[in-house]
Amino acid sequence: MKRSLRYDASGLIEGQFEPGSRRTVLRNLLGVKSRKEMETVEGKELVRATKKLVGVFDHNHQFSAADLCSMHREWLGNIYEWAGKYRQVNLAKDDMIFAAAHIIPLLITEFESNCLMVYTPCRGFTRNELIHALAAIHVELLLIHPFREGNGRLARMLATLMVLQSDLPILDFSPLTGKKKQEYFRAVQGGFDRNYGPMEKIFDELIE
């Protein structure tokens, strides 16, 4: 669970934990208190949402910031009250501090103009063009971390939809464990310097 850096988040539903969960599960609409159970619920909802969204976004669709909100809401709307809304708490994971909550709307607007409108739709891309598009969008979205929870999985869902626009099979992210997972985190951090090479390498291997 990522830690919140906001000093007074108690008044925000997204800053609260489910009573009885020992601060391991965020406050949710289902009353789930077990982290393991919540992981199962979120996983099932992710599969359902992905299958539905595959039929929503076609080869010609240019993704937008509004799409990200609707995708997040489609996935987690039955679980969290704040699904589909930009976070209002500051977050950090390990040594990485994500974008401050108050500037997320501005950053998302820039992300939409500089990434989503530039790199999608992905039809007619060469392999290298697709890999660069995937890496740039993936890294920049994760550095902003616009939502309270589920940003990594949302970014991977978006990558899957982008790949399908190029008529390639759905990506399998399961190899990103152990050392590969650490490599993945370092690739995200490389985005602070606009260095997308490490993430391009990861997507190249996933597509292969």
C-alpha atoms as a PDB file:
ATOM      1  CA  MET A   1       0.000   0.000   0.000  1.00  0.00           C
ATOM      2  CA  LYS A   2       1.391   3.388  -0.983  1.00  0.00           C
ATOM      3  CA  ARG A   3       1.688   5.804   1.908  1.00  0.00           C
ATOM      4  CA  SER A   4      -0.128   9.125   1.992  1.00  0.00           C
ATOM      5  CA  LEU A   5       1.906  12.286   2.505  1.00  0.00           C
ATOM      6  CA  ARG A   6      -1.029  14.569   3.209  1.00  0.00           C
ATOM      7  CA  TYR A   7      -0.968  15.695   6.816  1.00  0.00           C
ATOM      8  CA  ASP A   8      -4.724  15.851   7.276  1.00  0.00           C
ATOM      9  CA  ALA A   9      -6.394  13.346   4.987  1.00  0.00           C
ATOM     10  CA  SER A  10      -8.804  12.077   7.623  1.00  0.00           C
ATOM     11  CA  GLY A  11     -11.605  14.227   6.268  1.00  0.00           C
ATOM     12  CA  LEU A  12     -11.267  12.745   2.784  1.00  0.00           C
ATOM     13  CA  ILE A  13     -12.775   9.369   2.043  1.00  0.00           C
ATOM     14  CA  GLU A  14      -9.737   8.448  -0.054  1.00  0.00           C
ATOM     15  CA  GLY A  15      -7.496   9.088   2.935  1.00  0.00           C
ATOM     16  CA  GLN A  16      -9.384   6.638   5.149  1.00  0.00           C
ATOM     17  CA  PHE A  17      -8.931   2.938   5.770  1.00  0.00           C
ATOM     18  CA  GLU A  18     -11.678   0.383   6.228  1.00  0.00           C
ATOM     19  CA  PRO A  19     -12.477  -0.003   9.953  1.00  0.00           C
ATOM     20  CA  GLY A  20     -11.129  -3.294  11.226  1.00  0.00           C
ATOM     21  CA  SER A  21      -8.604  -3.687   8.405  1.00  0.00           C
ATOM     22  CA  ARG A  22      -5.634  -2.600  10.521  1.00  0.00           C
ATOM     23  CA  ARG A  23      -4.899   0.103   7.927  1.00  0.00           C
ATOM     24  CA  THR A  24      -4.242  -2.440   5.184  1.00  0.00           C
ATOM     25  CA  VAL A  25      -7.400  -1.848   3.107  1.00  0.00           C
ATOM     26  CA  LEU A  26      -8.741   1.498   1.908  1.00  0.00           C
ATOM     27  CA  ARG A  27     -12.286   2.483   2.880  1.00  0.00           C
ATOM     28  CA  ASN A  28     -14.522   0.740   0.375  1.00  0.00           C
ATOM     29  CA  LEU A  29     -18.157   0.266  -0.616  1.00  0.00           C
ATOM     30  CA  LEU A  30     -18.066  -3.494  -0.005  1.00  0.00           C
ATOM     31  CA  GLY A  31     -16.853  -3.439   3.586  1.00  0.00           C
ATOM     32  CA  VAL A  32     -13.888  -5.647   2.694  1.00  0.00           C
ATOM     33  CA  LYS A  33     -11.339  -5.758   5.524  1.00  0.00           C
ATOM     34  CA  SER A  34      -8.848  -8.345   4.238  1.00  0.00           C
ATOM     35  CA  ARG A  35      -6.094  -7.195   1.884  1.00  0.00           C
ATOM     36  CA  LYS A  36      -6.020 -10.613   0.234  1.00  0.00           C
ATOM     37  CA  GLU A  37      -9.764 -10.526  -0.357  1.00  0.00           C
ATOM     38  CA  MET A  38      -9.539  -7.003  -1.773  1.00  0.00           C
ATOM     39  CA  GLU A  39      -6.776  -8.055  -4.173  1.00  0.00           C
ATOM     40  CA  THR A  40      -9.053 -10.828  -5.418  1.00  0.00           C
ATOM     41  CA  VAL A  41     -12.019  -8.472  -5.835  1.00  0.00           C
ATOM     42  CA  GLU A  42      -9.951  -5.838  -7.627  1.00  0.00           C
ATOM     43  CA  GLY A  43      -8.417  -8.504  -9.875  1.00  0.00           C
ATOM     44  CA  LYS A  44     -11.784  -9.895 -10.941  1.00  0.00           C
ATOM     45  CA  GLU A  45     -13.123  -6.407 -11.601  1.00  0.00           C
ATOM     46  CA  LEU A  46     -10.021  -5.589 -13.649  1.00  0.00           C
ATOM     47  CA  VAL A  47     -10.575  -8.595 -15.910  1.00  0.00           C
ATOM     48  CA  ARG A  48     -14.256  -7.702 -16.318  1.00  0.00           C
ATOM     49  CA  ALA A  49     -13.520  -4.052 -17.070  1.00  0.00           C
ATOM     50  CA  THR A  50     -10.746  -4.847 -19.551  1.00  0.00           C
ATOM     51  CA  LYS A  51     -12.978  -7.222 -21.509  1.00  0.00           C
ATOM     52  CA  LYS A  52     -15.703  -4.574 -21.655  1.00  0.00           C
ATOM     53  CA  LEU A  53     -13.342  -1.758 -22.680  1.00  0.00           C
ATOM     54  CA  VAL A  54     -11.828  -3.820 -25.474  1.00  0.00           C
ATOM     55  CA  GLY A  55     -15.244  -3.596 -27.108  1.00  0.00           C
ATOM     56  CA  VAL A  56     -15.578   0.135 -26.421  1.00  0.00           C
ATOM     57  CA  PHE A  57     -12.369   1.585 -27.887  1.00  0.00           C
ATOM     58  CA  ASP A  58     -11.743   0.790 -31.541  1.00  0.00           C
ATOM     59  CA  HIS A  59      -8.648   1.072 -33.755  1.00  0.00           C
ATOM     60  CA  ASN A  60      -9.369   4.727 -34.546  1.00  0.00           C
ATOM     61  CA  HIS A  61      -9.907   5.963 -30.996  1.00  0.00           C
ATOM     62  CA  GLN A  62      -7.661   8.708 -29.676  1.00  0.00           C
ATOM     63  CA  PHE A  63      -7.475   8.331 -25.914  1.00  0.00           C
ATOM     64  CA  SER A  64      -8.123  11.293 -23.646  1.00  0.00           C
ATOM     65  CA  ALA A  65      -7.865  12.241 -19.989  1.00  0.00           C
ATOM     66  CA  ALA A  66     -11.620  11.716 -19.721  1.00  0.00           C
ATOM     67  CA  ASP A  67     -11.133   8.161 -20.998  1.00  0.00           C
ATOM     68  CA  LEU A  68      -8.669   7.450 -18.191  1.00  0.00           C
ATOM     69  CA  CYS A  69     -11.240   8.590 -15.637  1.00  0.00           C
ATOM     70  CA  SER A  70     -13.983   6.493 -17.200  1.00  0.00           C
ATOM     71  CA  MET A  71     -11.695   3.446 -17.409  1.00  0.00           C
ATOM     72  CA  HIS A  72     -10.745   3.822 -13.747  1.00  0.00           C
ATOM     73  CA  ARG A  73     -14.405   4.237 -12.808  1.00  0.00           C
ATOM     74  CA  GLU A  74     -15.470   1.229 -14.878  1.00  0.00           C
ATOM     75  CA  TRP A  75     -12.899  -0.888 -13.065  1.00  0.00           C
ATOM     76  CA  LEU A  76     -13.169   0.321  -9.471  1.00  0.00           C
ATOM     77  CA  GLY A  77     -16.522   2.102  -9.367  1.00  0.00           C
ATOM     78  CA  ASN A  78     -18.209  -0.774  -7.520  1.00  0.00           C
ATOM     79  CA  ILE A  79     -15.449  -0.785  -4.900  1.00  0.00           C
ATOM     80  CA  TYR A  80     -14.389   2.777  -4.107  1.00  0.00           C
ATOM     81  CA  GLU A  81     -16.420   5.970  -3.888  1.00  0.00           C
ATOM     82  CA  TRP A  82     -13.571   8.004  -5.396  1.00  0.00           C
ATOM     83  CA  ALA A  83     -13.058   5.794  -8.472  1.00  0.00           C
ATOM     84  CA  GLY A  84     -12.528   7.855 -11.617  1.00  0.00           C
ATOM     85  CA  LYS A  85     -11.640  11.011  -9.677  1.00  0.00           C
ATOM     86  CA  TYR A  86      -8.162  12.517  -9.421  1.00  0.00           C
ATOM     87  CA  ARG A  87      -6.631  11.998  -5.996  1.00  0.00           C
ATOM     88  CA  GLN A  88      -6.522  14.725  -3.370  1.00  0.00           C
ATOM     89  CA  VAL A  89      -3.801  13.173  -1.236  1.00  0.00           C
ATOM     90  CA  ASN A  90      -0.076  13.175  -1.943  1.00  0.00           C
ATOM     91  CA  LEU A  91       1.497   9.753  -2.424  1.00  0.00           C
ATOM     92  CA  ALA A  92       4.918   8.148  -2.293  1.00  0.00           C
ATOM     93  CA  LYS A  93       6.154   4.627  -2.839  1.00  0.00           C
ATOM     94  CA  ASP A  94       9.513   3.575  -1.445  1.00  0.00           C
ATOM     95  CA  ASP A  95      11.850   6.435  -2.461  1.00  0.00           C
ATOM     96  CA  MET A  96       9.606   7.768  -5.242  1.00  0.00           C
ATOM     97  CA  ILE A  97       7.370  10.765  -4.585  1.00  0.00           C
ATOM     98  CA  PHE A  98       4.635  11.176  -7.163  1.00  0.00           C
ATOM     99  CA  ALA A  99       3.228  14.459  -8.454  1.00  0.00           C
ATOM    100  CA  ALA A 100       1.624  16.672  -5.813  1.00  0.00           C
ATOM    101  CA  ALA A 101      -2.145  16.284  -5.755  1.00  0.00           C
ATOM    102  CA  HIS A 102      -2.951  19.947  -6.378  1.00  0.00           C
ATOM    103  CA  ILE A 103      -1.151  20.044  -9.746  1.00  0.00           C
ATOM    104  CA  ILE A 104      -2.604  16.797 -11.147  1.00  0.00           C
ATOM    105  CA  PRO A 105      -5.272  18.541 -13.282  1.00  0.00           C
ATOM    106  CA  LEU A 106      -2.572  20.659 -14.937  1.00  0.00           C
ATOM    107  CA  LEU A 107      -0.236  17.714 -15.457  1.00  0.00           C
ATOM    108  CA  ILE A 108      -3.010  15.551 -16.877  1.00  0.00           C
ATOM    109  CA  THR A 109      -3.913  18.291 -19.362  1.00  0.00           C
ATOM    110  CA  GLU A 110      -0.275  18.429 -20.492  1.00  0.00           C
ATOM    111  CA  PHE A 111      -0.126  14.621 -20.613  1.00  0.00           C
ATOM    112  CA  GLU A 112      -3.208  14.559 -22.818  1.00  0.00           C
ATOM    113  CA  SER A 113      -1.700  17.100 -25.238  1.00  0.00           C
ATOM    114  CA  ASN A 114       1.877  15.820 -25.260  1.00  0.00           C
ATOM    115  CA  CYS A 115       1.279  12.067 -25.072  1.00  0.00           C
ATOM    116  CA  LEU A 116      -2.259  10.830 -25.657  1.00  0.00           C
ATOM    117  CA  MET A 117      -2.958  13.131 -28.601  1.00  0.00           C
ATOM    118  CA  VAL A 118       0.476  12.450 -30.095  1.00  0.00           C
ATOM    119  CA  TYR A 119       0.742   8.674 -29.674  1.00  0.00           C
ATOM    120  CA  THR A 120      -2.839   7.427 -30.046  1.00  0.00           C
ATOM    121  CA  PRO A 121      -4.498   5.902 -31.950  1.00  0.00           C
ATOM    122  CA  CYS A 122      -1.721   3.369 -32.572  1.00  0.00           C
ATOM    123  CA  ARG A 123      -2.881   2.083 -35.940  1.00  0.00           C
ATOM    124  CA  GLY A 124      -0.248   1.790 -38.675  1.00  0.00           C
ATOM    125  CA  PHE A 125       2.677   2.102 -36.245  1.00  0.00           C
ATOM    126  CA  THR A 126       5.974   0.353 -36.871  1.00  0.00           C
ATOM    127  CA  ARG A 127       7.171  -1.861 -34.049  1.00  0.00           C
ATOM    128  CA  ASN A 128       9.629   0.787 -32.833  1.00  0.00           C
ATOM    129  CA  GLU A 129       7.009   3.533 -33.025  1.00  0.00           C
ATOM    130  CA  LEU A 130       4.579   1.461 -30.978  1.00  0.00           C
ATOM    131  CA  ILE A 131       7.212   0.598 -28.379  1.00  0.00           C
ATOM    132  CA  HIS A 132       8.132   4.265 -27.979  1.00  0.00           C
ATOM    133  CA  ALA A 133       4.472   5.269 -27.694  1.00  0.00           C
ATOM    134  CA  LEU A 134       3.820   2.616 -25.054  1.00  0.00           C
ATOM    135  CA  ALA A 135       6.893   3.573 -23.039  1.00  0.00           C
ATOM    136  CA  ALA A 136       6.303   7.333 -23.113  1.00  0.00           C
ATOM    137  CA  ILE A 137       2.627   7.118 -22.142  1.00  0.00           C
ATOM    138  CA  HIS A 138       3.263   4.442 -19.508  1.00  0.00           C
ATOM    139  CA  VAL A 139       6.074   6.297 -17.775  1.00  0.00           C
ATOM    140  CA  GLU A 140       4.477   9.733 -17.828  1.00  0.00           C
ATOM    141  CA  LEU A 141       1.149   8.436 -16.533  1.00  0.00           C
ATOM    142  CA  LEU A 142       2.810   6.578 -13.672  1.00  0.00           C
ATOM    143  CA  LEU A 143       4.886   9.599 -12.661  1.00  0.00           C
ATOM    144  CA  ILE A 144       1.711  11.679 -12.387  1.00  0.00           C
ATOM    145  CA  HIS A 145      -0.087   8.852 -10.567  1.00  0.00           C
ATOM    146  CA  PRO A 146      -3.433  10.629 -10.919  1.00  0.00           C
ATOM    147  CA  PHE A 147      -5.586   8.243  -8.897  1.00  0.00           C
ATOM    148  CA  ARG A 148      -5.550   7.142  -5.261  1.00  0.00           C
ATOM    149  CA  GLU A 149      -5.120   3.474  -6.166  1.00  0.00           C
ATOM    150  CA  GLY A 150      -4.650   1.307  -9.247  1.00  0.00           C
ATOM    151  CA  ASN A 151      -2.444   3.556 -11.385  1.00  0.00           C
ATOM    152  CA  GLY A 152      -0.060   0.800 -12.443  1.00  0.00           C
ATOM    153  CA  ARG A 153      -2.845  -1.552 -13.436  1.00  0.00           C
ATOM    154  CA  LEU A 154      -4.668   1.248 -15.240  1.00  0.00           C
ATOM    155  CA  ALA A 155      -1.497   2.074 -17.171  1.00  0.00           C
ATOM    156  CA  ARG A 156      -1.134  -1.582 -18.148  1.00  0.00           C
ATOM    157  CA  MET A 157      -4.799  -1.692 -19.204  1.00  0.00           C
ATOM    158  CA  LEU A 158      -4.196   1.343 -21.414  1.00  0.00           C
ATOM    159  CA  ALA A 159      -1.080  -0.297 -22.878  1.00  0.00           C
ATOM    160  CA  THR A 160      -3.157  -3.378 -23.703  1.00  0.00           C
ATOM    161  CA  LEU A 161      -5.759  -1.278 -25.524  1.00  0.00           C
ATOM    162  CA  MET A 162      -2.997   0.530 -27.437  1.00  0.00           C
ATOM    163  CA  VAL A 163      -1.413  -2.745 -28.519  1.00  0.00           C
ATOM    164  CA  LEU A 164      -4.756  -4.012 -29.762  1.00  0.00           C
ATOM    165  CA  GLN A 165      -5.001  -0.909 -31.959  1.00  0.00           C
ATOM    166  CA  SER A 166      -1.856  -2.178 -33.685  1.00  0.00           C
ATOM    167  CA  ASP A 167      -3.433  -5.628 -34.182  1.00  0.00           C
ATOM    168  CA  LEU A 168      -1.021  -7.319 -31.783  1.00  0.00           C
ATOM    169  CA  PRO A 169      -2.035  -9.831 -29.086  1.00  0.00           C
ATOM    170  CA  ILE A 170      -2.883  -8.693 -25.558  1.00  0.00           C
ATOM    171  CA  LEU A 171       0.265  -8.128 -23.520  1.00  0.00           C
ATOM    172  CA  ASP A 172       1.182 -10.512 -20.717  1.00  0.00           C
ATOM    173  CA  PHE A 173       2.711  -8.538 -17.839  1.00  0.00           C
ATOM    174  CA  SER A 174       3.196 -11.600 -15.609  1.00  0.00           C
ATOM    175  CA  PRO A 175       6.966 -11.788 -16.330  1.00  0.00           C
ATOM    176  CA  LEU A 176       7.416  -8.519 -14.405  1.00  0.00           C
ATOM    177  CA  THR A 177       8.295 -10.173 -11.102  1.00  0.00           C
ATOM    178  CA  GLY A 178      11.445 -10.359  -9.007  1.00  0.00           C
ATOM    179  CA  LYS A 179      14.390  -8.667 -10.716  1.00  0.00           C
ATOM    180  CA  LYS A 180      12.204  -7.727 -13.662  1.00  0.00           C
ATOM    181  CA  LYS A 181       9.852  -5.867 -11.341  1.00  0.00           C
ATOM    182  CA  GLN A 182      12.750  -3.859  -9.949  1.00  0.00           C
ATOM    183  CA  GLU A 183      13.888  -3.164 -13.493  1.00  0.00           C
ATOM    184  CA  TYR A 184      10.367  -1.949 -14.231  1.00  0.00           C
ATOM    185  CA  PHE A 185      10.404   0.466 -11.276  1.00  0.00           C
ATOM    186  CA  ARG A 186      13.793   1.839 -12.364  1.00  0.00           C
ATOM    187  CA  ALA A 187      12.410   2.315 -15.866  1.00  0.00           C
ATOM    188  CA  VAL A 188       9.579   4.419 -14.436  1.00  0.00           C
ATOM    189  CA  GLN A 189      12.087   6.523 -12.486  1.00  0.00           C
ATOM    190  CA  GLY A 190      14.019   7.090 -15.694  1.00  0.00           C
ATOM    191  CA  GLY A 191      11.094   9.172 -16.846  1.00  0.00           C
ATOM    192  CA  PHE A 192      12.128  11.977 -14.513  1.00  0.00           C
ATOM    193  CA  ASP A 193      14.849  12.674 -17.101  1.00  0.00           C
ATOM    194  CA  ARG A 194      12.602  11.859 -20.087  1.00  0.00           C
ATOM    195  CA  ASN A 195      14.660   8.700 -20.539  1.00  0.00           C
ATOM    196  CA  TYR A 196      12.226   6.185 -21.992  1.00  0.00           C
ATOM    197  CA  GLY A 197      14.894   3.730 -23.152  1.00  0.00           C
ATOM    198  CA  PRO A 198      14.625   1.341 -20.178  1.00  0.00           C
ATOM    199  CA  MET A 199      10.824   1.161 -20.485  1.00  0.00           C
ATOM    200  CA  GLU A 200      11.107   0.704 -24.251  1.00  0.00           C
ATOM    201  CA  LYS A 201      13.335  -2.294 -23.573  1.00  0.00           C
ATOM    202  CA  ILE A 202      10.695  -3.782 -21.258  1.00  0.00           C
ATOM    203  CA  PHE A 203       7.880  -3.340 -23.775  1.00  0.00           C
ATOM    204  CA  ASP A 204      10.076  -4.703 -26.534  1.00  0.00           C
ATOM    205  CA  GLU A 205      10.540  -7.883 -24.508  1.00  0.00           C
ATOM    206  CA  LEU A 206       6.826  -8.096 -23.616  1.00  0.00           C
ATOM    207  CA  ILE A 207       5.797  -7.761 -27.260  1.00  0.00           C
ATOM    208  CA  GLU A 208       8.403 -10.313 -28.306  1.00  0.00           C
END
